[in-house]
Amino acid sequence: MSASEKLAELGIELPGVAAPVASYIPAVRTGAHVYTSGQLPFVEGALAATGKVGGEVSPEEAKQYARTATLNALAAVHDLVGIDAITRVVKVTGFVASAEGFNGQPAVINGASELLGEVFGDAGAHARSAVGVAELPLGAPVEVELIVEVA
């Protein structure tokens, strides 16, 4: 089953590509790989939430925001090469704006990893980093970037 068919089966529609908030482009292809810029949890042009995870934002909410950011990253890939060109998810890097003492970053970024597994099956298994940071752009709670292999 193609990625676009799987998304439809799951009832997921890719959003439009989020407009860059600075001087960069959403995704770049080099050879057989596409690298996305870090994607925030934008929904219809606005951040879904702001704040620190483990503070104003619960880990459960942040996991959903990681999923939203990942959909935005997939939208950037789709806009560049088409979602069905993805043959493998290679790497996910997730950044979590963390309140002091919060150390549950891996569980938050599972929102990204689980979505990729749902859509791509075994080809969605990937290497990953889940990093706690003091601040993210615009006060976002999470940011996700992808490296994918494409046909």
N, C-alpha and C. Protein backbone atom coordinates (compact mmCIF):
# COMPACT_ATOMS: atom_id res chain seq x y z
N MET A 1 0.85 -1.18 0.00
CA MET A 1 0.00 0.00 0.00
C MET A 1 0.90 1.24 0.00
N SER A 2 0.58 2.19 -0.85
CA SER A 2 1.37 3.42 -0.92
C SER A 2 1.13 4.29 0.32
N ALA A 3 2.02 5.22 0.54
CA ALA A 3 1.88 6.14 1.68
C ALA A 3 0.60 6.96 1.55
N SER A 4 0.29 7.41 0.35
CA SER A 4 -0.93 8.21 0.18
C SER A 4 -2.18 7.37 0.45
N GLU A 5 -2.16 6.10 0.05
CA GLU A 5 -3.29 5.22 0.34
C GLU A 5 -3.39 4.95 1.84
N LYS A 6 -2.25 4.77 2.50
CA LYS A 6 -2.25 4.52 3.95
C LYS A 6 -2.77 5.74 4.70
N LEU A 7 -2.33 6.93 4.29
CA LEU A 7 -2.85 8.15 4.93
C LEU A 7 -4.37 8.23 4.78
N ALA A 8 -4.86 7.93 3.60
CA ALA A 8 -6.31 7.97 3.37
C ALA A 8 -7.02 6.94 4.25
N GLU A 9 -6.45 5.73 4.34
CA GLU A 9 -7.04 4.68 5.19
C GLU A 9 -7.09 5.12 6.65
N LEU A 10 -6.07 5.85 7.09
CA LEU A 10 -6.00 6.33 8.48
C LEU A 10 -6.85 7.59 8.70
N GLY A 11 -7.39 8.14 7.62
CA GLY A 11 -8.19 9.35 7.73
C GLY A 11 -7.35 10.59 7.98
N ILE A 12 -6.10 10.56 7.50
CA ILE A 12 -5.18 11.67 7.71
C ILE A 12 -4.99 12.41 6.39
N GLU A 13 -5.17 13.72 6.43
CA GLU A 13 -4.90 14.57 5.29
C GLU A 13 -3.65 15.37 5.58
N LEU A 14 -2.71 15.38 4.64
CA LEU A 14 -1.53 16.20 4.84
C LEU A 14 -1.93 17.68 4.79
N PRO A 15 -1.37 18.47 5.68
CA PRO A 15 -1.66 19.91 5.64
C PRO A 15 -0.90 20.56 4.49
N GLY A 16 -1.20 21.82 4.23
CA GLY A 16 -0.37 22.59 3.31
C GLY A 16 0.99 22.80 3.96
N VAL A 17 1.97 23.12 3.16
CA VAL A 17 3.32 23.34 3.68
C VAL A 17 3.32 24.59 4.55
N ALA A 18 3.85 24.45 5.75
CA ALA A 18 3.95 25.60 6.67
C ALA A 18 4.92 26.62 6.10
N ALA A 19 4.53 27.87 6.13
CA ALA A 19 5.40 28.94 5.64
C ALA A 19 6.61 29.07 6.55
N PRO A 20 7.81 29.19 5.97
CA PRO A 20 9.01 29.38 6.81
C PRO A 20 8.88 30.63 7.67
N VAL A 21 9.42 30.55 8.89
CA VAL A 21 9.38 31.69 9.80
C VAL A 21 10.68 32.49 9.78
N ALA A 22 11.62 32.09 8.91
CA ALA A 22 12.89 32.80 8.77
C ALA A 22 13.42 32.54 7.36
N SER A 23 14.72 32.67 7.18
CA SER A 23 15.33 32.56 5.86
C SER A 23 15.81 31.14 5.59
N TYR A 24 14.88 30.28 5.14
CA TYR A 24 15.19 28.90 4.78
C TYR A 24 14.05 28.37 3.93
N ILE A 25 14.22 27.16 3.39
CA ILE A 25 13.15 26.52 2.66
C ILE A 25 12.73 25.26 3.42
N PRO A 26 11.50 24.80 3.23
CA PRO A 26 10.99 23.69 4.03
C PRO A 26 11.70 22.36 3.84
N ALA A 27 12.21 22.09 2.62
CA ALA A 27 12.86 20.80 2.38
C ALA A 27 13.83 20.93 1.21
N VAL A 28 14.88 20.10 1.24
CA VAL A 28 15.89 20.09 0.19
C VAL A 28 16.17 18.64 -0.18
N ARG A 29 16.24 18.39 -1.48
CA ARG A 29 16.63 17.06 -1.95
C ARG A 29 18.08 17.11 -2.41
N THR A 30 18.84 16.09 -2.01
CA THR A 30 20.17 15.89 -2.53
C THR A 30 20.32 14.40 -2.78
N GLY A 31 20.55 14.03 -4.02
CA GLY A 31 20.63 12.62 -4.37
C GLY A 31 19.33 11.91 -4.04
N ALA A 32 19.45 10.83 -3.28
CA ALA A 32 18.29 10.01 -2.93
C ALA A 32 17.69 10.38 -1.58
N HIS A 33 18.06 11.54 -1.03
CA HIS A 33 17.56 11.94 0.29
C HIS A 33 16.90 13.30 0.26
N VAL A 34 15.87 13.43 1.09
CA VAL A 34 15.26 14.73 1.35
C VAL A 34 15.44 15.04 2.82
N TYR A 35 15.92 16.24 3.08
CA TYR A 35 16.11 16.75 4.45
C TYR A 35 15.08 17.84 4.66
N THR A 36 14.31 17.74 5.73
CA THR A 36 13.37 18.82 6.02
C THR A 36 13.99 19.79 7.01
N SER A 37 13.56 21.01 6.92
CA SER A 37 13.87 21.98 7.97
C SER A 37 13.05 21.57 9.19
N GLY A 38 13.44 22.05 10.34
CA GLY A 38 12.66 21.78 11.54
C GLY A 38 11.24 22.29 11.36
N GLN A 39 10.28 21.45 11.69
CA GLN A 39 8.87 21.81 11.53
C GLN A 39 8.21 21.94 12.91
N LEU A 40 7.45 22.99 13.05
CA LEU A 40 6.73 23.26 14.30
C LEU A 40 5.30 22.72 14.17
N PRO A 41 4.58 22.63 15.28
CA PRO A 41 3.21 22.12 15.22
C PRO A 41 2.20 23.20 14.79
N PHE A 42 2.36 23.67 13.54
CA PHE A 42 1.42 24.63 12.99
C PHE A 42 0.16 23.91 12.53
N VAL A 43 -0.97 24.51 12.81
CA VAL A 43 -2.26 24.04 12.31
C VAL A 43 -2.93 25.25 11.67
N GLU A 44 -3.14 25.17 10.37
CA GLU A 44 -3.76 26.27 9.62
C GLU A 44 -3.06 27.60 9.87
N GLY A 45 -1.73 27.56 9.85
CA GLY A 45 -0.94 28.78 9.94
C GLY A 45 -0.66 29.31 11.34
N ALA A 46 -1.17 28.64 12.37
CA ALA A 46 -0.95 29.09 13.75
C ALA A 46 -0.39 27.95 14.58
N LEU A 47 0.46 28.28 15.54
CA LEU A 47 0.97 27.25 16.44
C LEU A 47 -0.17 26.64 17.24
N ALA A 48 -0.16 25.33 17.36
CA ALA A 48 -1.19 24.62 18.12
C ALA A 48 -1.08 24.96 19.61
N ALA A 49 0.12 25.27 20.06
CA ALA A 49 0.35 25.61 21.48
C ALA A 49 1.71 26.27 21.62
N THR A 50 1.90 26.92 22.74
CA THR A 50 3.21 27.43 23.11
C THR A 50 3.47 27.00 24.56
N GLY A 51 4.73 27.01 24.94
CA GLY A 51 5.08 26.69 26.31
C GLY A 51 6.04 25.53 26.42
N LYS A 52 6.47 25.31 27.64
CA LYS A 52 7.44 24.26 27.93
C LYS A 52 6.73 22.97 28.32
N VAL A 53 7.28 21.87 27.84
CA VAL A 53 6.75 20.56 28.17
C VAL A 53 7.18 20.22 29.60
N GLY A 54 6.24 19.72 30.36
CA GLY A 54 6.49 19.49 31.77
C GLY A 54 6.16 20.72 32.60
N GLY A 55 5.70 21.75 31.93
CA GLY A 55 5.25 23.00 32.56
C GLY A 55 3.86 23.30 32.06
N GLU A 56 3.75 24.28 31.16
CA GLU A 56 2.44 24.67 30.62
C GLU A 56 1.84 23.62 29.69
N VAL A 57 2.68 22.78 29.11
CA VAL A 57 2.25 21.76 28.15
C VAL A 57 2.52 20.38 28.75
N SER A 58 1.51 19.54 28.77
CA SER A 58 1.69 18.19 29.32
C SER A 58 2.45 17.32 28.32
N PRO A 59 3.14 16.30 28.80
CA PRO A 59 3.82 15.38 27.89
C PRO A 59 2.86 14.73 26.89
N GLU A 60 1.65 14.42 27.30
CA GLU A 60 0.67 13.81 26.41
C GLU A 60 0.27 14.78 25.29
N GLU A 61 0.07 16.05 25.65
CA GLU A 61 -0.24 17.06 24.63
C GLU A 61 0.95 17.22 23.69
N ALA A 62 2.15 17.26 24.25
CA ALA A 62 3.35 17.45 23.44
C ALA A 62 3.54 16.30 22.46
N LYS A 63 3.19 15.09 22.86
CA LYS A 63 3.28 13.94 21.96
C LYS A 63 2.39 14.17 20.73
N GLN A 64 1.21 14.71 20.93
CA GLN A 64 0.31 15.02 19.82
C GLN A 64 0.88 16.15 18.95
N TYR A 65 1.54 17.12 19.59
CA TYR A 65 2.15 18.22 18.83
C TYR A 65 3.33 17.70 18.01
N ALA A 66 4.04 16.70 18.52
CA ALA A 66 5.13 16.09 17.74
C ALA A 66 4.55 15.41 16.50
N ARG A 67 3.41 14.79 16.65
CA ARG A 67 2.72 14.16 15.52
C ARG A 67 2.33 15.23 14.49
N THR A 68 1.80 16.35 14.96
CA THR A 68 1.41 17.44 14.07
C THR A 68 2.63 17.99 13.33
N ALA A 69 3.73 18.20 14.05
CA ALA A 69 4.95 18.71 13.42
C ALA A 69 5.46 17.72 12.36
N THR A 70 5.31 16.43 12.62
CA THR A 70 5.74 15.41 11.67
C THR A 70 4.87 15.44 10.42
N LEU A 71 3.58 15.65 10.58
CA LEU A 71 2.72 15.81 9.41
C LEU A 71 3.16 17.02 8.58
N ASN A 72 3.58 18.08 9.25
CA ASN A 72 4.08 19.25 8.52
C ASN A 72 5.37 18.92 7.79
N ALA A 73 6.24 18.10 8.40
CA ALA A 73 7.47 17.68 7.72
C ALA A 73 7.14 16.82 6.51
N LEU A 74 6.18 15.90 6.66
CA LEU A 74 5.78 15.07 5.52
C LEU A 74 5.16 15.93 4.42
N ALA A 75 4.44 16.97 4.78
CA ALA A 75 3.88 17.88 3.78
C ALA A 75 4.99 18.57 3.00
N ALA A 76 6.07 18.93 3.68
CA ALA A 76 7.20 19.56 2.99
C ALA A 76 7.85 18.59 2.00
N VAL A 77 7.98 17.32 2.40
CA VAL A 77 8.52 16.30 1.50
C VAL A 77 7.56 16.11 0.32
N HIS A 78 6.29 16.00 0.61
CA HIS A 78 5.27 15.80 -0.42
C HIS A 78 5.31 16.93 -1.45
N ASP A 79 5.44 18.16 -0.98
CA ASP A 79 5.47 19.32 -1.87
C ASP A 79 6.68 19.27 -2.80
N LEU A 80 7.76 18.70 -2.33
CA LEU A 80 9.00 18.66 -3.11
C LEU A 80 9.04 17.48 -4.08
N VAL A 81 8.70 16.26 -3.60
CA VAL A 81 8.88 15.06 -4.43
C VAL A 81 7.65 14.15 -4.47
N GLY A 82 6.66 14.41 -3.65
CA GLY A 82 5.50 13.54 -3.55
C GLY A 82 5.68 12.53 -2.43
N ILE A 83 4.65 12.34 -1.65
CA ILE A 83 4.72 11.45 -0.48
C ILE A 83 5.04 10.01 -0.87
N ASP A 84 4.57 9.59 -2.04
CA ASP A 84 4.78 8.21 -2.45
C ASP A 84 6.20 7.95 -2.95
N ALA A 85 7.01 8.98 -3.08
CA ALA A 85 8.42 8.79 -3.45
C ALA A 85 9.25 8.31 -2.26
N ILE A 86 8.72 8.45 -1.03
CA ILE A 86 9.49 8.04 0.15
C ILE A 86 9.60 6.52 0.17
N THR A 87 10.86 6.04 0.22
CA THR A 87 11.10 4.60 0.30
C THR A 87 11.56 4.19 1.69
N ARG A 88 12.03 5.15 2.48
CA ARG A 88 12.53 4.83 3.82
C ARG A 88 12.63 6.12 4.64
N VAL A 89 12.21 6.04 5.89
CA VAL A 89 12.48 7.13 6.83
C VAL A 89 13.83 6.79 7.46
N VAL A 90 14.78 7.69 7.31
CA VAL A 90 16.15 7.42 7.76
C VAL A 90 16.37 7.92 9.18
N LYS A 91 15.99 9.18 9.45
CA LYS A 91 16.31 9.78 10.75
C LYS A 91 15.25 10.79 11.12
N VAL A 92 14.91 10.80 12.40
CA VAL A 92 14.03 11.80 12.99
C VAL A 92 14.83 12.50 14.08
N THR A 93 14.81 13.82 14.04
CA THR A 93 15.38 14.60 15.14
C THR A 93 14.24 15.41 15.74
N GLY A 94 14.03 15.22 17.03
CA GLY A 94 12.96 15.92 17.72
C GLY A 94 13.52 16.78 18.83
N PHE A 95 13.06 18.01 18.89
CA PHE A 95 13.47 18.95 19.93
C PHE A 95 12.26 19.23 20.81
N VAL A 96 12.47 19.21 22.10
CA VAL A 96 11.38 19.42 23.06
C VAL A 96 11.76 20.58 23.97
N ALA A 97 10.98 21.65 23.94
CA ALA A 97 11.20 22.77 24.87
C ALA A 97 10.80 22.25 26.25
N SER A 98 11.78 22.10 27.11
CA SER A 98 11.58 21.37 28.36
C SER A 98 11.65 22.27 29.58
N ALA A 99 10.65 22.10 30.44
CA ALA A 99 10.68 22.77 31.74
C ALA A 99 11.81 22.15 32.56
N GLU A 100 12.32 22.89 33.51
CA GLU A 100 13.40 22.39 34.36
C GLU A 100 12.98 21.06 35.00
N GLY A 101 13.86 20.08 34.89
CA GLY A 101 13.60 18.77 35.48
C GLY A 101 12.84 17.80 34.59
N PHE A 102 12.31 18.26 33.45
CA PHE A 102 11.58 17.35 32.56
C PHE A 102 12.59 16.53 31.76
N ASN A 103 12.44 15.22 31.79
CA ASN A 103 13.36 14.35 31.06
C ASN A 103 12.64 13.29 30.24
N GLY A 104 11.42 13.57 29.87
CA GLY A 104 10.63 12.61 29.09
C GLY A 104 10.62 12.89 27.60
N GLN A 105 11.69 13.46 27.08
CA GLN A 105 11.75 13.80 25.65
C GLN A 105 11.49 12.60 24.74
N PRO A 106 12.06 11.41 25.03
CA PRO A 106 11.80 10.28 24.13
C PRO A 106 10.31 9.95 23.99
N ALA A 107 9.57 9.99 25.07
CA ALA A 107 8.13 9.68 25.01
C ALA A 107 7.39 10.73 24.18
N VAL A 108 7.80 11.98 24.26
CA VAL A 108 7.17 13.04 23.46
C VAL A 108 7.41 12.79 21.98
N ILE A 109 8.64 12.49 21.61
CA ILE A 109 8.98 12.31 20.19
C ILE A 109 8.44 10.99 19.65
N ASN A 110 7.97 10.10 20.54
CA ASN A 110 7.26 8.92 20.07
C ASN A 110 6.05 9.31 19.21
N GLY A 111 5.51 10.51 19.43
CA GLY A 111 4.40 10.97 18.59
C GLY A 111 4.80 11.01 17.12
N ALA A 112 6.04 11.40 16.86
CA ALA A 112 6.56 11.39 15.48
C ALA A 112 6.82 9.97 15.01
N SER A 113 7.52 9.21 15.82
CA SER A 113 7.92 7.85 15.43
C SER A 113 6.72 6.95 15.19
N GLU A 114 5.73 7.03 16.05
CA GLU A 114 4.55 6.18 15.91
C GLU A 114 3.78 6.51 14.63
N LEU A 115 3.65 7.79 14.31
CA LEU A 115 2.98 8.19 13.08
C LEU A 115 3.72 7.62 11.87
N LEU A 116 5.03 7.75 11.85
CA LEU A 116 5.81 7.26 10.71
C LEU A 116 5.67 5.75 10.56
N GLY A 117 5.61 5.04 11.68
CA GLY A 117 5.38 3.60 11.63
C GLY A 117 4.01 3.26 11.07
N GLU A 118 2.99 4.03 11.48
CA GLU A 118 1.64 3.80 10.97
C GLU A 118 1.56 3.98 9.46
N VAL A 119 2.24 5.00 8.96
CA VAL A 119 2.15 5.35 7.54
C VAL A 119 3.05 4.48 6.68
N PHE A 120 4.28 4.23 7.13
CA PHE A 120 5.27 3.57 6.27
C PHE A 120 5.60 2.14 6.67
N GLY A 121 5.01 1.64 7.76
CA GLY A 121 5.31 0.28 8.19
C GLY A 121 6.78 0.11 8.50
N ASP A 122 7.38 -1.00 8.07
CA ASP A 122 8.79 -1.26 8.35
C ASP A 122 9.70 -0.18 7.78
N ALA A 123 9.32 0.43 6.66
CA ALA A 123 10.13 1.49 6.07
C ALA A 123 10.09 2.77 6.91
N GLY A 124 9.22 2.81 7.90
CA GLY A 124 9.14 3.97 8.79
C GLY A 124 10.03 3.85 10.01
N ALA A 125 10.64 2.65 10.23
CA ALA A 125 11.57 2.48 11.36
C ALA A 125 12.82 3.30 11.06
N HIS A 126 13.30 4.04 12.04
CA HIS A 126 14.33 5.04 11.78
C HIS A 126 15.28 5.21 12.96
N ALA A 127 16.41 5.83 12.67
CA ALA A 127 17.29 6.32 13.73
C ALA A 127 16.66 7.60 14.27
N ARG A 128 17.00 7.96 15.53
CA ARG A 128 16.31 9.10 16.12
C ARG A 128 17.13 9.75 17.22
N SER A 129 16.93 11.05 17.36
CA SER A 129 17.41 11.81 18.50
C SER A 129 16.23 12.56 19.09
N ALA A 130 16.13 12.58 20.42
CA ALA A 130 15.10 13.34 21.12
C ALA A 130 15.83 14.23 22.11
N VAL A 131 15.82 15.53 21.85
CA VAL A 131 16.68 16.46 22.55
C VAL A 131 15.85 17.48 23.34
N GLY A 132 16.17 17.66 24.60
CA GLY A 132 15.55 18.70 25.39
C GLY A 132 16.29 20.01 25.21
N VAL A 133 15.54 21.08 25.00
CA VAL A 133 16.13 22.41 24.80
C VAL A 133 15.40 23.43 25.67
N ALA A 134 16.07 24.56 25.89
CA ALA A 134 15.50 25.61 26.73
C ALA A 134 14.39 26.37 26.02
N GLU A 135 14.55 26.61 24.74
CA GLU A 135 13.57 27.39 23.97
C GLU A 135 13.53 26.89 22.53
N LEU A 136 12.37 27.04 21.89
CA LEU A 136 12.22 26.77 20.47
C LEU A 136 11.60 28.00 19.80
N PRO A 137 11.72 28.10 18.47
CA PRO A 137 11.18 29.27 17.78
C PRO A 137 9.71 29.51 18.11
N LEU A 138 9.38 30.77 18.29
CA LEU A 138 8.01 31.23 18.55
C LEU A 138 7.39 30.66 19.82
N GLY A 139 8.22 30.07 20.68
CA GLY A 139 7.71 29.49 21.91
C GLY A 139 7.08 28.12 21.73
N ALA A 140 7.33 27.48 20.58
CA ALA A 140 6.74 26.16 20.31
C ALA A 140 7.22 25.14 21.32
N PRO A 141 6.38 24.15 21.65
CA PRO A 141 6.79 23.11 22.59
C PRO A 141 7.65 22.02 21.95
N VAL A 142 7.49 21.80 20.63
CA VAL A 142 8.26 20.76 19.94
C VAL A 142 8.63 21.23 18.54
N GLU A 143 9.67 20.59 18.01
CA GLU A 143 10.10 20.80 16.61
C GLU A 143 10.62 19.46 16.12
N VAL A 144 10.28 19.12 14.88
CA VAL A 144 10.67 17.83 14.31
C VAL A 144 11.27 18.06 12.93
N GLU A 145 12.38 17.34 12.67
CA GLU A 145 12.93 17.34 11.32
C GLU A 145 13.16 15.90 10.88
N LEU A 146 13.06 15.69 9.58
CA LEU A 146 13.18 14.36 9.00
C LEU A 146 14.29 14.30 7.96
N ILE A 147 14.86 13.11 7.83
CA ILE A 147 15.66 12.75 6.67
C ILE A 147 15.00 11.50 6.11
N VAL A 148 14.61 11.55 4.84
CA VAL A 148 13.99 10.41 4.20
C VAL A 148 14.72 10.06 2.92
N GLU A 149 14.70 8.77 2.57
CA GLU A 149 15.22 8.31 1.30
C GLU A 149 14.06 8.29 0.31
N VAL A 150 14.33 8.72 -0.92
CA VAL A 150 13.29 8.77 -1.92
C VAL A 150 13.73 8.06 -3.20
N ALA A 151 12.75 7.62 -3.97
CA ALA A 151 13.02 6.96 -5.24
C ALA A 151 13.42 7.98 -6.29
